PDB file of all heavy atoms in Angstrom:
ATOM      1  N   PHE A   1       0.813  -1.169   0.018  1.00  0.00           N
ATOM      2  CA  PHE A   1       0.009   0.003   0.022  1.00  0.00           C
ATOM      3  C   PHE A   1       0.896   1.236   0.013  1.00  0.00           C
ATOM      4  O   PHE A   1       2.081   1.130   0.107  1.00  0.00           O
ATOM      5  CB  PHE A   1      -0.935   0.031   1.189  1.00  0.00           C
ATOM      6  CG  PHE A   1      -0.234   0.197   2.544  1.00  0.00           C
ATOM      7  CD1 PHE A   1      -0.276   1.451   3.102  1.00  0.00           C
ATOM      8  CD2 PHE A   1       0.411  -0.809   3.216  1.00  0.00           C
ATOM      9  CE1 PHE A   1       0.379   1.638   4.373  1.00  0.00           C
ATOM     10  CE2 PHE A   1       1.006  -0.640   4.384  1.00  0.00           C
ATOM     11  CZ  PHE A   1       0.978   0.598   4.989  1.00  0.00           C
ATOM     12  N   SER A   2       0.269   2.380  -0.184  1.00  0.00           N
ATOM     13  CA  SER A   2       0.981   3.635  -0.179  1.00  0.00           C
ATOM     14  C   SER A   2       0.530   4.564   0.885  1.00  0.00           C
ATOM     15  O   SER A   2      -0.669   4.519   1.266  1.00  0.00           O
ATOM     16  CB  SER A   2       0.848   4.364  -1.545  1.00  0.00           C
ATOM     17  OG  SER A   2       1.462   3.574  -2.555  1.00  0.00           O
ATOM     18  N   MET A   3       1.418   5.335   1.419  1.00  0.00           N
ATOM     19  CA  MET A   3       1.123   6.349   2.447  1.00  0.00           C
ATOM     20  C   MET A   3       2.049   7.586   2.205  1.00  0.00           C
ATOM     21  O   MET A   3       3.246   7.382   2.123  1.00  0.00           O
ATOM     22  CB  MET A   3       1.336   5.821   3.913  1.00  0.00           C
ATOM     23  CG  MET A   3       1.149   6.818   4.972  1.00  0.00           C
ATOM     24  SD  MET A   3       1.653   6.201   6.690  1.00  0.00           S
ATOM     25  CE  MET A   3       0.287   5.058   6.956  1.00  0.00           C
ATOM     26  N   HIS A   4       1.412   8.732   2.065  1.00  0.00           N
ATOM     27  CA  HIS A   4       2.131  10.012   1.863  1.00  0.00           C
ATOM     28  C   HIS A   4       3.063   9.822   0.685  1.00  0.00           C
ATOM     29  O   HIS A   4       4.203  10.373   0.665  1.00  0.00           O
ATOM     30  CB  HIS A   4       2.940  10.389   3.109  1.00  0.00           C
ATOM     31  CG  HIS A   4       2.106  10.562   4.340  1.00  0.00           C
ATOM     32  ND1 HIS A   4       0.947  11.418   4.370  1.00  0.00           N
ATOM     33  CD2 HIS A   4       2.125   9.939   5.522  1.00  0.00           C
ATOM     34  CE1 HIS A   4       0.418  11.348   5.602  1.00  0.00           C
ATOM     35  NE2 HIS A   4       1.074  10.451   6.297  1.00  0.00           N
ATOM     36  N   GLY A   5       2.612   9.156  -0.349  1.00  0.00           N
ATOM     37  CA  GLY A   5       3.415   8.980  -1.549  1.00  0.00           C
ATOM     38  C   GLY A   5       4.486   7.918  -1.450  1.00  0.00           C
ATOM     39  O   GLY A   5       5.206   7.690  -2.469  1.00  0.00           O
ATOM     40  N   HIS A   6       4.593   7.267  -0.346  1.00  0.00           N
ATOM     41  CA  HIS A   6       5.590   6.208  -0.208  1.00  0.00           C
ATOM     42  C   HIS A   6       4.905   4.899  -0.394  1.00  0.00           C
ATOM     43  O   HIS A   6       3.881   4.579   0.217  1.00  0.00           O
ATOM     44  CB  HIS A   6       6.313   6.299   1.153  1.00  0.00           C
ATOM     45  CG  HIS A   6       7.187   5.102   1.361  1.00  0.00           C
ATOM     46  ND1 HIS A   6       8.486   5.066   0.797  1.00  0.00           N
ATOM     47  CD2 HIS A   6       7.057   3.954   2.079  1.00  0.00           C
ATOM     48  CE1 HIS A   6       9.056   3.911   1.203  1.00  0.00           C
ATOM     49  NE2 HIS A   6       8.211   3.234   1.913  1.00  0.00           N
ATOM     50  N   ALA A   7       5.519   3.954  -1.181  1.00  0.00           N
ATOM     51  CA  ALA A   7       4.981   2.631  -1.464  1.00  0.00           C
ATOM     52  C   ALA A   7       5.650   1.618  -0.461  1.00  0.00           C
ATOM     53  O   ALA A   7       6.829   1.450  -0.508  1.00  0.00           O
ATOM     54  CB  ALA A   7       5.195   2.280  -2.942  1.00  0.00           C
ATOM     55  N   PHE A   8       4.808   1.043   0.371  1.00  0.00           N
ATOM     56  CA  PHE A   8       5.301  -0.004   1.221  1.00  0.00           C
ATOM     57  C   PHE A   8       5.060  -1.358   0.574  1.00  0.00           C
ATOM     58  O   PHE A   8       4.004  -1.659   0.101  1.00  0.00           O
ATOM     59  CB  PHE A   8       4.488  -0.010   2.592  1.00  0.00           C
ATOM     60  CG  PHE A   8       4.742   1.199   3.425  1.00  0.00           C
ATOM     61  CD1 PHE A   8       3.920   2.325   3.363  1.00  0.00           C
ATOM     62  CD2 PHE A   8       5.782   1.247   4.273  1.00  0.00           C
ATOM     63  CE1 PHE A   8       4.182   3.447   4.164  1.00  0.00           C
ATOM     64  CE2 PHE A   8       6.060   2.353   5.075  1.00  0.00           C
ATOM     65  CZ  PHE A   8       5.256   3.464   5.070  1.00  0.00           C
ATOM     66  N   GLN A   9       6.166  -2.143   0.579  1.00  0.00           N
ATOM     67  CA  GLN A   9       6.140  -3.460  -0.091  1.00  0.00           C
ATOM     68  C   GLN A   9       5.970  -4.521   0.892  1.00  0.00           C
ATOM     69  O   GLN A   9       6.351  -4.540   2.018  1.00  0.00           O
ATOM     70  CB  GLN A   9       7.448  -3.678  -0.925  1.00  0.00           C
ATOM     71  CG  GLN A   9       7.760  -2.568  -1.939  1.00  0.00           C
ATOM     72  CD  GLN A   9       6.706  -2.441  -2.971  1.00  0.00           C
ATOM     73  OE1 GLN A   9       6.169  -3.472  -3.459  1.00  0.00           O
ATOM     74  NE2 GLN A   9       6.373  -1.190  -3.359  1.00  0.00           N
ATOM     75  N   ARG A  10       5.265  -5.642   0.370  1.00  0.00           N
ATOM     76  CA  ARG A  10       4.939  -6.779   1.189  1.00  0.00           C
ATOM     77  C   ARG A  10       6.279  -7.307   1.844  1.00  0.00           C
ATOM     78  O   ARG A  10       7.276  -7.443   1.146  1.00  0.00           O
ATOM     79  CB  ARG A  10       4.328  -7.875   0.296  1.00  0.00           C
ATOM     80  CG  ARG A  10       4.004  -9.148   1.060  1.00  0.00           C
ATOM     81  CD  ARG A  10       3.370 -10.150   0.162  1.00  0.00           C
ATOM     82  NE  ARG A  10       3.208 -11.487   0.731  1.00  0.00           N
ATOM     83  CZ  ARG A  10       2.206 -11.835   1.529  1.00  0.00           C
ATOM     84  NH1 ARG A  10       1.251 -11.025   1.798  1.00  0.00           N
ATOM     85  NH2 ARG A  10       2.213 -13.072   2.102  1.00  0.00           N
ATOM     86  N   GLY A  11       6.205  -7.605   3.111  1.00  0.00           N
ATOM     87  CA  GLY A  11       7.341  -8.215   3.861  1.00  0.00           C
ATOM     88  C   GLY A  11       8.179  -7.146   4.539  1.00  0.00           C
ATOM     89  O   GLY A  11       8.998  -7.471   5.398  1.00  0.00           O
ATOM     90  N   GLU A  12       8.069  -5.889   4.235  1.00  0.00           N
ATOM     91  CA  GLU A  12       8.842  -4.855   4.849  1.00  0.00           C
ATOM     92  C   GLU A  12       8.389  -4.645   6.283  1.00  0.00           C
ATOM     93  O   GLU A  12       7.251  -4.830   6.635  1.00  0.00           O
ATOM     94  CB  GLU A  12       8.821  -3.530   4.053  1.00  0.00           C
ATOM     95  CG  GLU A  12       9.467  -3.589   2.715  1.00  0.00           C
ATOM     96  CD  GLU A  12       9.393  -2.293   1.977  1.00  0.00           C
ATOM     97  OE1 GLU A  12       8.427  -1.522   2.089  1.00  0.00           O
ATOM     98  OE2 GLU A  12      10.407  -1.945   1.268  1.00  0.00           O
ATOM     99  N   LEU A  13       9.348  -4.178   7.118  1.00  0.00           N
ATOM    100  CA  LEU A  13       9.018  -3.907   8.550  1.00  0.00           C
ATOM    101  C   LEU A  13       8.742  -2.418   8.655  1.00  0.00           C
ATOM    102  O   LEU A  13       9.398  -1.530   8.186  1.00  0.00           O
ATOM    103  CB  LEU A  13      10.237  -4.252   9.398  1.00  0.00           C
ATOM    104  CG  LEU A  13      10.098  -3.990  10.871  1.00  0.00           C
ATOM    105  CD1 LEU A  13       8.993  -4.890  11.500  1.00  0.00           C
ATOM    106  CD2 LEU A  13      11.436  -4.378  11.577  1.00  0.00           C
ATOM    107  N   VAL A  14       7.627  -2.159   9.435  1.00  0.00           N
ATOM    108  CA  VAL A  14       7.226  -0.817   9.730  1.00  0.00           C
ATOM    109  C   VAL A  14       7.229  -0.669  11.238  1.00  0.00           C
ATOM    110  O   VAL A  14       6.725  -1.497  12.005  1.00  0.00           O
ATOM    111  CB  VAL A  14       5.788  -0.473   9.204  1.00  0.00           C
ATOM    112  CG1 VAL A  14       5.333   0.875   9.583  1.00  0.00           C
ATOM    113  CG2 VAL A  14       5.833  -0.627   7.695  1.00  0.00           C
ATOM    114  N   ILE A  15       7.813   0.430  11.731  1.00  0.00           N
ATOM    115  CA  ILE A  15       7.950   0.693  13.197  1.00  0.00           C
ATOM    116  C   ILE A  15       7.122   1.958  13.456  1.00  0.00           C
ATOM    117  O   ILE A  15       7.543   3.068  13.249  1.00  0.00           O
ATOM    118  CB  ILE A  15       9.375   0.938  13.618  1.00  0.00           C
ATOM    119  CG1 ILE A  15      10.220  -0.313  13.293  1.00  0.00           C
ATOM    120  CG2 ILE A  15       9.404   1.191  15.088  1.00  0.00           C
ATOM    121  CD1 ILE A  15       9.925  -1.513  14.122  1.00  0.00           C
ATOM    122  N   PRO A  16       5.918   1.804  14.052  1.00  0.00           N
ATOM    123  CA  PRO A  16       5.152   2.988  14.525  1.00  0.00           C
ATOM    124  C   PRO A  16       5.752   3.435  15.894  1.00  0.00           C
ATOM    125  O   PRO A  16       5.752   2.667  16.840  1.00  0.00           O
ATOM    126  CB  PRO A  16       3.773   2.492  14.732  1.00  0.00           C
ATOM    127  CG  PRO A  16       3.669   1.170  13.983  1.00  0.00           C
ATOM    128  CD  PRO A  16       5.048   0.584  14.074  1.00  0.00           C
ATOM    129  N   LEU A  17       6.269   4.649  15.917  1.00  0.00           N
ATOM    130  CA  LEU A  17       7.037   5.145  17.108  1.00  0.00           C
ATOM    131  C   LEU A  17       6.002   5.803  18.056  1.00  0.00           C
ATOM    132  O   LEU A  17       5.703   6.998  17.896  1.00  0.00           O
ATOM    133  CB  LEU A  17       8.111   6.097  16.698  1.00  0.00           C
ATOM    134  CG  LEU A  17       9.304   5.460  15.950  1.00  0.00           C
ATOM    135  CD1 LEU A  17      10.122   6.570  15.270  1.00  0.00           C
ATOM    136  CD2 LEU A  17      10.157   4.663  16.877  1.00  0.00           C
ATOM    137  N   VAL A  18       5.519   5.062  18.960  1.00  0.00           N
ATOM    138  CA  VAL A  18       4.484   5.526  19.888  1.00  0.00           C
ATOM    139  C   VAL A  18       5.008   6.684  20.723  1.00  0.00           C
ATOM    140  O   VAL A  18       4.328   7.689  20.946  1.00  0.00           O
ATOM    141  CB  VAL A  18       4.030   4.378  20.800  1.00  0.00           C
ATOM    142  CG1 VAL A  18       3.120   4.872  21.944  1.00  0.00           C
ATOM    143  CG2 VAL A  18       3.320   3.276  19.914  1.00  0.00           C
ATOM    144  N   GLY A  19       6.189   6.597  21.192  1.00  0.00           N
ATOM    145  CA  GLY A  19       6.776   7.718  22.017  1.00  0.00           C
ATOM    146  C   GLY A  19       6.915   8.949  21.234  1.00  0.00           C
ATOM    147  O   GLY A  19       6.683  10.030  21.832  1.00  0.00           O
ATOM    148  N   ALA A  20       7.215   8.898  19.948  1.00  0.00           N
ATOM    149  CA  ALA A  20       7.215  10.101  19.140  1.00  0.00           C
ATOM    150  C   ALA A  20       5.818  10.674  18.909  1.00  0.00           C
ATOM    151  O   ALA A  20       5.609  11.868  19.057  1.00  0.00           O
ATOM    152  CB  ALA A  20       7.839   9.820  17.787  1.00  0.00           C
ATOM    153  N   ALA A  21       4.863   9.790  18.608  1.00  0.00           N
ATOM    154  CA  ALA A  21       3.502  10.220  18.396  1.00  0.00           C
ATOM    155  C   ALA A  21       2.933  10.945  19.613  1.00  0.00           C
ATOM    156  O   ALA A  21       2.194  11.945  19.453  1.00  0.00           O
ATOM    157  CB  ALA A  21       2.597   9.032  18.032  1.00  0.00           C
ATOM    158  N   ASN A  22       3.267  10.471  20.751  1.00  0.00           N
ATOM    159  CA  ASN A  22       2.795  11.071  22.075  1.00  0.00           C
ATOM    160  C   ASN A  22       3.312  12.486  22.245  1.00  0.00           C
ATOM    161  O   ASN A  22       2.823  13.162  23.150  1.00  0.00           O
ATOM    162  CB  ASN A  22       3.128  10.186  23.191  1.00  0.00           C
ATOM    163  CG  ASN A  22       2.212   9.002  23.371  1.00  0.00           C
ATOM    164  OD1 ASN A  22       1.099   8.951  22.778  1.00  0.00           O
ATOM    165  ND2 ASN A  22       2.603   8.014  24.103  1.00  0.00           N
ATOM    166  N   ARG A  23       4.297  12.890  21.509  1.00  0.00           N
ATOM    167  CA  ARG A  23       4.876  14.228  21.676  1.00  0.00           C
ATOM    168  C   ARG A  23       4.844  14.995  20.364  1.00  0.00           C
ATOM    169  O   ARG A  23       5.646  15.907  20.102  1.00  0.00           O
ATOM    170  CB  ARG A  23       6.282  14.198  22.167  1.00  0.00           C
ATOM    171  CG  ARG A  23       6.404  13.631  23.605  1.00  0.00           C
ATOM    172  CD  ARG A  23       7.704  14.089  24.234  1.00  0.00           C
ATOM    173  NE  ARG A  23       7.951  13.518  25.557  1.00  0.00           N
ATOM    174  CZ  ARG A  23       8.868  13.827  26.362  1.00  0.00           C
ATOM    175  NH1 ARG A  23       9.757  14.796  25.948  1.00  0.00           N
ATOM    176  NH2 ARG A  23       9.065  13.304  27.572  1.00  0.00           N
ATOM    177  N   ASP A  24       3.851  14.671  19.508  1.00  0.00           N
ATOM    178  CA  ASP A  24       3.731  15.334  18.234  1.00  0.00           C
ATOM    179  C   ASP A  24       3.210  16.762  18.433  1.00  0.00           C
ATOM    180  O   ASP A  24       2.102  16.981  18.957  1.00  0.00           O
ATOM    181  CB  ASP A  24       2.665  14.569  17.368  1.00  0.00           C
ATOM    182  CG  ASP A  24       2.580  15.083  15.949  1.00  0.00           C
ATOM    183  OD1 ASP A  24       2.943  16.259  15.706  1.00  0.00           O
ATOM    184  OD2 ASP A  24       2.150  14.321  15.078  1.00  0.00           O
ATOM    185  N   PRO A  25       3.995  17.766  18.074  1.00  0.00           N
ATOM    186  CA  PRO A  25       3.664  19.169  18.344  1.00  0.00           C
ATOM    187  C   PRO A  25       2.395  19.604  17.593  1.00  0.00           C
ATOM    188  O   PRO A  25       1.792  20.607  17.947  1.00  0.00           O
ATOM    189  CB  PRO A  25       4.881  19.963  17.918  1.00  0.00           C
ATOM    190  CG  PRO A  25       5.580  19.069  16.933  1.00  0.00           C
ATOM    191  CD  PRO A  25       5.350  17.683  17.409  1.00  0.00           C
ATOM    192  N   LYS A  26       2.019  18.884  16.553  1.00  0.00           N
ATOM    193  CA  LYS A  26       0.770  19.225  15.845  1.00  0.00           C
ATOM    194  C   LYS A  26      -0.460  18.772  16.530  1.00  0.00           C
ATOM    195  O   LYS A  26      -1.590  19.184  16.229  1.00  0.00           O
ATOM    196  CB  LYS A  26       0.831  18.593  14.435  1.00  0.00           C
ATOM    197  CG  LYS A  26       1.885  19.121  13.523  1.00  0.00           C
ATOM    198  CD  LYS A  26       1.878  18.474  12.170  1.00  0.00           C
ATOM    199  CE  LYS A  26       2.972  18.980  11.260  1.00  0.00           C
ATOM    200  NZ  LYS A  26       2.963  18.333   9.918  1.00  0.00           N
ATOM    201  N   VAL A  27      -0.261  17.893  17.580  1.00  0.00           N
ATOM    202  CA  VAL A  27      -1.383  17.344  18.347  1.00  0.00           C
ATOM    203  C   VAL A  27      -1.371  17.884  19.808  1.00  0.00           C
ATOM    204  O   VAL A  27      -2.435  18.157  20.305  1.00  0.00           O
ATOM    205  CB  VAL A  27      -1.301  15.838  18.360  1.00  0.00           C
ATOM    206  CG1 VAL A  27      -2.377  15.218  19.185  1.00  0.00           C
ATOM    207  CG2 VAL A  27      -1.358  15.264  16.922  1.00  0.00           C
ATOM    208  N   TYR A  28      -0.266  18.024  20.370  1.00  0.00           N
ATOM    209  CA  TYR A  28      -0.142  18.476  21.762  1.00  0.00           C
ATOM    210  C   TYR A  28       0.627  19.810  21.881  1.00  0.00           C
ATOM    211  O   TYR A  28       1.726  20.034  21.316  1.00  0.00           O
ATOM    212  CB  TYR A  28       0.628  17.420  22.538  1.00  0.00           C
ATOM    213  CG  TYR A  28       0.042  16.058  22.554  1.00  0.00           C
ATOM    214  CD1 TYR A  28       0.538  15.043  21.777  1.00  0.00           C
ATOM    215  CD2 TYR A  28      -1.145  15.756  23.229  1.00  0.00           C
ATOM    216  CE1 TYR A  28      -0.004  13.740  21.702  1.00  0.00           C
ATOM    217  CE2 TYR A  28      -1.712  14.531  23.279  1.00  0.00           C
ATOM    218  CZ  TYR A  28      -1.100  13.488  22.503  1.00  0.00           C
ATOM    219  OH  TYR A  28      -1.721  12.242  22.437  1.00  0.00           O
ATOM    220  N   THR A  29      -0.004  20.716  22.572  1.00  0.00           N
ATOM    221  CA  THR A  29       0.581  21.995  22.933  1.00  0.00           C
ATOM    222  C   THR A  29       1.719  21.802  23.925  1.00  0.00           C
ATOM    223  O   THR A  29       1.573  21.019  24.922  1.00  0.00           O
ATOM    224  CB  THR A  29      -0.432  22.983  23.559  1.00  0.00           C
ATOM    225  OG1 THR A  29      -1.511  23.075  22.655  1.00  0.00           O
ATOM    226  CG2 THR A  29       0.195  24.358  23.788  1.00  0.00           C
ATOM    227  N   ASP A  30       2.907  22.393  23.645  1.00  0.00           N
ATOM    228  CA  ASP A  30       4.027  22.262  24.546  1.00  0.00           C
ATOM    229  C   ASP A  30       4.250  20.776  24.924  1.00  0.00           C
ATOM    230  O   ASP A  30       4.256  20.361  26.126  1.00  0.00           O
ATOM    231  CB  ASP A  30       3.801  23.127  25.850  1.00  0.00           C
ATOM    232  CG  ASP A  30       4.977  23.204  26.696  1.00  0.00           C
ATOM    233  OD1 ASP A  30       6.162  23.057  26.207  1.00  0.00           O
ATOM    234  OD2 ASP A  30       4.884  23.619  27.903  1.00  0.00           O
ATOM    235  N   PRO A  31       4.480  19.910  23.899  1.00  0.00           N
ATOM    236  CA  PRO A  31       4.473  18.481  24.165  1.00  0.00           C
ATOM    237  C   PRO A  31       5.617  17.970  25.030  1.00  0.00           C
ATOM    238  O   PRO A  31       5.472  16.856  25.596  1.00  0.00           O
ATOM    239  CB  PRO A  31       4.666  17.904  22.713  1.00  0.00           C
ATOM    240  CG  PRO A  31       5.362  18.930  21.967  1.00  0.00           C
ATOM    241  CD  PRO A  31       4.860  20.242  22.479  1.00  0.00           C
ATOM    242  N   HIS A  32       6.682  18.669  25.171  1.00  0.00           N
ATOM    243  CA  HIS A  32       7.832  18.170  25.968  1.00  0.00           C
ATOM    244  C   HIS A  32       7.754  18.658  27.372  1.00  0.00           C
ATOM    245  O   HIS A  32       8.713  18.464  28.157  1.00  0.00           O
ATOM    246  CB  HIS A  32       9.169  18.625  25.325  1.00  0.00           C
ATOM    247  CG  HIS A  32       9.326  18.159  23.892  1.00  0.00           C
ATOM    248  ND1 HIS A  32       9.428  16.871  23.570  1.00  0.00           N
ATOM    249  CD2 HIS A  32       9.351  18.872  22.778  1.00  0.00           C
ATOM    250  CE1 HIS A  32       9.555  16.747  22.278  1.00  0.00           C
ATOM    251  NE2 HIS A  32       9.497  17.942  21.762  1.00  0.00           N
ATOM    252  N   THR A  33       6.633  19.160  27.794  1.00  0.00           N
ATOM    253  CA  THR A  33       6.361  19.532  29.191  1.00  0.00           C
ATOM    254  C   THR A  33       5.228  18.721  29.785  1.00  0.00           C
ATOM    255  O   THR A  33       4.216  18.458  29.162  1.00  0.00           O
ATOM    256  CB  THR A  33       6.118  20.999  29.352  1.00  0.00           C
ATOM    257  OG1 THR A  33       7.150  21.770  28.825  1.00  0.00           O
ATOM    258  CG2 THR A  33       5.851  21.390  30.854  1.00  0.00           C
TER     259      THR A  33
END
């Protein structure tokens, strides 16, 4: 499948970085506090 213009191929490893998502500045105000 594709995401943001990138094609992910069968068998590839994807790492969703939960710790990064939890400090996404587009979602949380002052995320590092």
